[in-house]
Amino acid sequence: MRIDFFVINLDRSPERLADIRADMAAAGIDLIRVAGVDGKAIPEAERDLLDTPRFQRRHGKRPAAGEYGCYLSHLKAIEAVAAGAAEAGVVFEDDVRPRPEMLAVLQALASRDDWDVVRFAHHRRPSRRRLRVLPEGRTLAASFHGPTGSAAAYIVRRTAAQRLAEALKPMSLPFDVAIERGWDTKLRTFDIWDDLVAFSQRSKTSQIEVGGRYGSRKLKPWRRLPTLVFRASELVRRIAYAFAAERAR
């Protein structure tokens, strides 16, 4: 399977692009740059893809400009995969570094048609159901709990990419939460454990939030009751989805 590799990068972050290009080139990977969307440059009144009331009900916070830009950036990358000639595309954020075994594991993953979207960078490690053994001690798995955090690295089949992009519209959750929801997108969405990338030093400097402002966007406790209901429902759906996923034979 031919796989193209894309990196999302803001115009104001050339140093991040230089770092990830060097790291990927050392691993034999040529990156295709996707110009990131700077959400701070888009006035609130023009954020047409954002369903603010639904976002607040589901996430319990007011959306940040950077979250909106991140979401649009990933949609651009997924649509680039859909428009490409390769059978699949990997999308990176520009603050990751490849582990030496990444390419071998991805090629083994690609050898079977039992997935549409697979994430391989995470911030949390939930319990999970193993679906297939991969090389270098890795497994393809479905998580029982989540969100597991991070959309910093994932692979999408070209045949599924446009369907994924459409299923993620409008924005009603942060992108890293939305992409995990295979039960909602109707795509075979799983994870590779352990991660195939590491986070670089630049990942400690968020381009979405600065300082303590993230917590300040939380809604009042009584306004977050719909969020609790949504999260309880998501847990049930996630567990059912993991149990329903077919193991590779």
Protein backbone atom coordinates (compact mmCIF):
# COMPACT_ATOMS: atom_id res chain seq x y z
CA MET A 1 0.00 0.00 0.00
CA ARG A 2 1.27 3.43 -0.91
CA ILE A 3 1.10 5.86 2.01
CA ASP A 4 1.56 9.62 1.78
CA PHE A 5 2.63 11.63 4.81
CA PHE A 6 1.20 15.06 5.64
CA VAL A 7 2.14 17.58 8.30
CA ILE A 8 -0.07 20.40 9.58
CA ASN A 9 1.96 23.53 10.12
CA LEU A 10 1.05 27.17 10.73
CA ASP A 11 2.74 29.79 8.57
CA ARG A 12 4.04 31.48 11.73
CA SER A 13 5.86 28.31 12.86
CA PRO A 14 8.65 27.65 10.33
CA GLU A 15 10.95 26.33 13.07
CA ARG A 16 8.50 23.53 13.85
CA LEU A 17 8.34 22.60 10.19
CA ALA A 18 12.12 22.52 9.91
CA ASP A 19 12.39 20.25 12.96
CA ILE A 20 9.81 17.70 11.85
CA ARG A 21 11.08 17.67 8.25
CA ALA A 22 14.56 16.84 9.50
CA ASP A 23 13.31 14.10 11.82
CA MET A 24 11.10 12.54 9.15
CA ALA A 25 13.77 12.80 6.44
CA ALA A 26 16.10 10.84 8.69
CA ALA A 27 13.45 8.11 8.78
CA GLY A 28 13.10 8.20 4.97
CA ILE A 29 9.79 10.11 4.96
CA ASP A 30 9.03 13.01 2.63
CA LEU A 31 6.37 15.26 4.14
CA ILE A 32 3.59 17.11 2.33
CA ARG A 33 2.82 20.33 4.17
CA VAL A 34 -0.76 21.33 4.90
CA ALA A 35 -0.99 25.00 5.83
CA GLY A 36 -2.61 25.19 9.24
CA VAL A 37 -5.57 27.46 9.87
CA ASP A 38 -4.95 30.15 12.48
CA GLY A 39 -8.26 30.23 14.34
CA LYS A 40 -7.36 33.49 16.02
CA ALA A 41 -7.53 35.19 12.63
CA ILE A 42 -11.17 34.13 12.13
CA PRO A 43 -13.76 36.36 13.86
CA GLU A 44 -16.34 34.50 15.94
CA ALA A 45 -19.12 35.58 13.60
CA GLU A 46 -17.34 33.87 10.71
CA ARG A 47 -16.76 30.48 12.33
CA ASP A 48 -19.36 28.87 10.11
CA LEU A 49 -18.34 25.28 10.77
CA LEU A 50 -18.75 25.60 14.54
CA ASP A 51 -21.99 24.59 16.29
CA THR A 52 -21.37 26.56 19.48
CA PRO A 53 -24.49 25.53 21.47
CA ARG A 54 -23.87 21.85 20.76
CA PHE A 55 -20.15 22.21 21.53
CA GLN A 56 -20.96 23.69 24.93
CA ARG A 57 -23.54 21.01 25.73
CA ARG A 58 -21.17 18.21 24.77
CA HIS A 59 -17.86 19.60 26.01
CA GLY A 60 -18.92 21.82 28.89
CA LYS A 61 -16.64 24.66 27.77
CA ARG A 62 -16.71 27.60 25.42
CA PRO A 63 -14.70 26.82 22.28
CA ALA A 64 -11.33 28.48 21.85
CA ALA A 65 -10.23 30.15 18.64
CA GLY A 66 -7.24 27.81 18.51
CA GLU A 67 -9.48 24.75 18.78
CA TYR A 68 -11.44 25.97 15.79
CA GLY A 69 -8.28 26.51 13.77
CA CYS A 70 -7.01 23.07 14.77
CA TYR A 71 -10.27 21.48 13.66
CA LEU A 72 -10.24 23.18 10.25
CA SER A 73 -6.57 22.31 9.80
CA HIS A 74 -7.24 18.62 10.30
CA LEU A 75 -10.22 18.71 7.95
CA LYS A 76 -7.92 20.22 5.31
CA ALA A 77 -5.41 17.43 5.86
CA ILE A 78 -8.05 14.69 5.67
CA GLU A 79 -9.45 16.21 2.47
CA ALA A 80 -5.90 16.24 1.07
CA VAL A 81 -5.72 12.50 1.76
CA ALA A 82 -9.05 12.03 -0.03
CA ALA A 83 -7.81 13.99 -3.07
CA GLY A 84 -4.45 12.22 -3.24
CA ALA A 85 -3.29 9.25 -5.28
CA ALA A 86 -2.02 7.16 -2.36
CA GLU A 87 -4.20 4.48 -0.81
CA ALA A 88 -3.78 6.00 2.64
CA GLY A 89 -2.44 9.13 4.26
CA VAL A 90 -0.77 9.75 7.58
CA VAL A 91 -1.44 13.11 9.21
CA PHE A 92 1.03 14.54 11.72
CA GLU A 93 0.91 17.62 13.84
CA ASP A 94 4.26 19.36 13.74
CA ASP A 95 5.39 18.60 17.29
CA VAL A 96 6.00 14.86 16.98
CA ARG A 97 9.03 12.73 16.20
CA PRO A 98 8.89 9.25 14.60
CA ARG A 99 9.99 6.17 16.48
CA PRO A 100 12.38 3.97 14.47
CA GLU A 101 9.82 1.18 14.02
CA MET A 102 6.98 3.41 12.79
CA LEU A 103 7.17 2.60 9.07
CA ALA A 104 7.39 -1.16 9.59
CA VAL A 105 4.37 -1.14 11.88
CA LEU A 106 2.30 1.02 9.51
CA GLN A 107 3.11 -1.24 6.55
CA ALA A 108 2.03 -4.28 8.59
CA LEU A 109 -1.17 -2.46 9.53
CA ALA A 110 -1.81 -1.68 5.86
CA SER A 111 -1.53 -5.34 4.87
CA ARG A 112 -5.13 -6.00 5.97
CA ASP A 113 -8.40 -4.27 5.30
CA ASP A 114 -9.69 -4.19 8.88
CA TRP A 115 -9.50 -0.44 9.61
CA ASP A 116 -10.38 2.98 8.20
CA VAL A 117 -8.82 5.36 10.75
CA VAL A 118 -6.05 4.46 13.19
CA ARG A 119 -4.49 6.82 15.73
CA PHE A 120 -0.98 6.22 17.03
CA ALA A 121 -0.31 9.08 19.45
CA HIS A 122 -2.05 9.40 22.81
CA HIS A 123 -1.90 11.26 26.10
CA ARG A 124 -3.76 8.66 28.19
CA ARG A 125 -3.60 4.85 28.37
CA PRO A 126 -7.05 3.30 28.91
CA SER A 127 -7.92 -0.37 29.10
CA ARG A 128 -8.46 -1.77 25.63
CA ARG A 129 -9.38 -4.79 23.55
CA ARG A 130 -6.64 -6.21 21.34
CA LEU A 131 -7.74 -6.78 17.74
CA ARG A 132 -4.53 -7.67 15.97
CA VAL A 133 -0.87 -8.23 16.78
CA LEU A 134 1.53 -5.95 14.90
CA PRO A 135 5.35 -6.02 14.67
CA GLU A 136 7.67 -4.50 17.26
CA GLY A 137 5.42 -5.34 20.18
CA ARG A 138 2.53 -3.20 18.91
CA THR A 139 -1.16 -4.04 18.76
CA LEU A 140 -4.20 -2.72 16.95
CA ALA A 141 -6.81 -2.16 19.63
CA ALA A 142 -10.16 -0.63 20.54
CA SER A 143 -10.24 1.41 23.74
CA PHE A 144 -12.86 0.85 26.44
CA HIS A 145 -12.42 4.30 27.98
CA GLY A 146 -11.69 7.74 26.65
CA PRO A 147 -11.14 10.16 25.22
CA THR A 148 -7.52 9.06 25.04
CA GLY A 149 -6.29 12.49 23.94
CA SER A 150 -4.21 13.71 20.99
CA ALA A 151 -4.72 13.81 17.25
CA ALA A 152 -1.00 14.30 16.70
CA ALA A 153 -0.58 11.25 14.45
CA TYR A 154 -3.08 9.06 12.63
CA ILE A 155 -3.57 7.21 9.35
CA VAL A 156 -6.70 7.35 7.15
CA ARG A 157 -7.62 5.22 4.15
CA ARG A 158 -8.21 7.33 1.07
CA THR A 159 -11.54 5.56 0.48
CA ALA A 160 -12.70 6.65 3.94
CA ALA A 161 -11.16 10.12 4.09
CA GLN A 162 -13.96 12.12 2.49
CA ARG A 163 -16.59 10.29 4.52
CA LEU A 164 -14.61 11.09 7.66
CA ALA A 165 -14.36 14.77 6.75
CA GLU A 166 -18.11 15.00 6.16
CA ALA A 167 -18.94 13.05 9.33
CA LEU A 168 -16.91 15.55 11.37
CA LYS A 169 -18.98 18.52 10.21
CA PRO A 170 -20.10 20.68 11.93
CA MET A 171 -17.63 21.01 14.81
CA SER A 172 -19.26 20.07 18.11
CA LEU A 173 -16.22 18.70 19.97
CA PRO A 174 -12.46 19.33 19.93
CA PHE A 175 -10.88 17.45 17.03
CA ASP A 176 -8.93 14.97 19.15
CA VAL A 177 -12.21 13.89 20.78
CA ALA A 178 -14.25 13.85 17.58
CA ILE A 179 -11.90 11.67 15.55
CA GLU A 180 -12.05 8.81 18.08
CA ARG A 181 -15.82 8.37 17.70
CA GLY A 182 -16.05 5.51 15.22
CA TRP A 183 -19.50 4.66 16.57
CA ASP A 184 -20.65 8.06 15.31
CA THR A 185 -18.64 8.43 12.07
CA LYS A 186 -19.47 4.82 11.06
CA LEU A 187 -15.82 4.21 10.21
CA ARG A 188 -13.56 1.49 11.64
CA THR A 189 -11.61 3.67 14.04
CA PHE A 190 -8.97 2.09 16.27
CA ASP A 191 -5.59 2.73 17.92
CA ILE A 192 -2.06 1.39 17.79
CA TRP A 193 -0.42 0.81 21.17
CA ASP A 194 2.25 1.67 22.09
CA ASP A 195 2.63 4.99 20.30
CA LEU A 196 4.63 5.14 17.07
CA VAL A 197 5.70 8.74 17.64
CA ALA A 198 7.14 10.72 20.52
CA PHE A 199 6.32 14.31 21.36
CA SER A 200 9.11 16.81 20.80
CA GLN A 201 10.11 19.58 23.18
CA ARG A 202 7.99 21.96 21.13
CA SER A 203 4.83 20.08 22.19
CA LYS A 204 5.18 21.73 25.60
CA THR A 205 4.26 25.05 23.97
CA SER A 206 0.64 24.82 22.88
CA GLN A 207 -0.48 26.77 19.84
CA ILE A 208 -4.12 26.41 20.90
CA GLU A 209 -4.04 27.75 24.46
CA VAL A 210 -1.73 29.98 26.44
CA GLY A 211 -1.46 29.97 30.23
CA GLY A 212 -4.48 29.11 32.35
CA ARG A 213 -7.18 30.28 30.00
CA TYR A 214 -8.40 26.78 29.16
CA GLY A 215 -9.91 26.26 32.61
CA SER A 216 -11.53 29.68 32.52
CA ARG A 217 -13.68 28.58 29.59
CA LYS A 218 -15.55 26.02 31.67
CA LEU A 219 -19.27 26.62 31.96
CA LYS A 220 -20.90 26.98 35.36
CA PRO A 221 -21.45 23.59 37.07
CA TRP A 222 -25.22 23.57 36.50
CA ARG A 223 -24.67 24.30 32.82
CA ARG A 224 -22.42 21.24 32.53
CA LEU A 225 -25.15 18.75 33.44
CA PRO A 226 -25.87 18.00 29.74
CA THR A 227 -22.15 17.33 29.36
CA LEU A 228 -22.24 14.68 32.09
CA VAL A 229 -25.17 12.98 30.36
CA PHE A 230 -23.35 13.09 27.03
CA ARG A 231 -20.17 11.63 28.51
CA ALA A 232 -22.05 8.81 30.21
CA SER A 233 -23.71 7.96 26.91
CA GLU A 234 -20.35 8.09 25.14
CA LEU A 235 -18.84 5.65 27.62
CA VAL A 236 -21.59 3.12 26.96
CA ARG A 237 -21.28 3.55 23.19
CA ARG A 238 -17.49 3.28 23.33
CA ILE A 239 -17.57 0.04 25.29
CA ALA A 240 -20.17 -1.44 22.94
CA TYR A 241 -18.08 -0.37 19.95
CA ALA A 242 -14.95 -2.01 21.35
CA PHE A 243 -16.76 -5.29 22.00
CA ALA A 244 -18.33 -5.24 18.51
CA ALA A 245 -15.00 -4.69 16.72
CA GLU A 246 -13.89 -7.78 14.85
CA ARG A 247 -10.61 -9.42 15.71
CA ALA A 248 -8.32 -10.17 12.77
CA ARG A 249 -8.26 -13.86 11.90
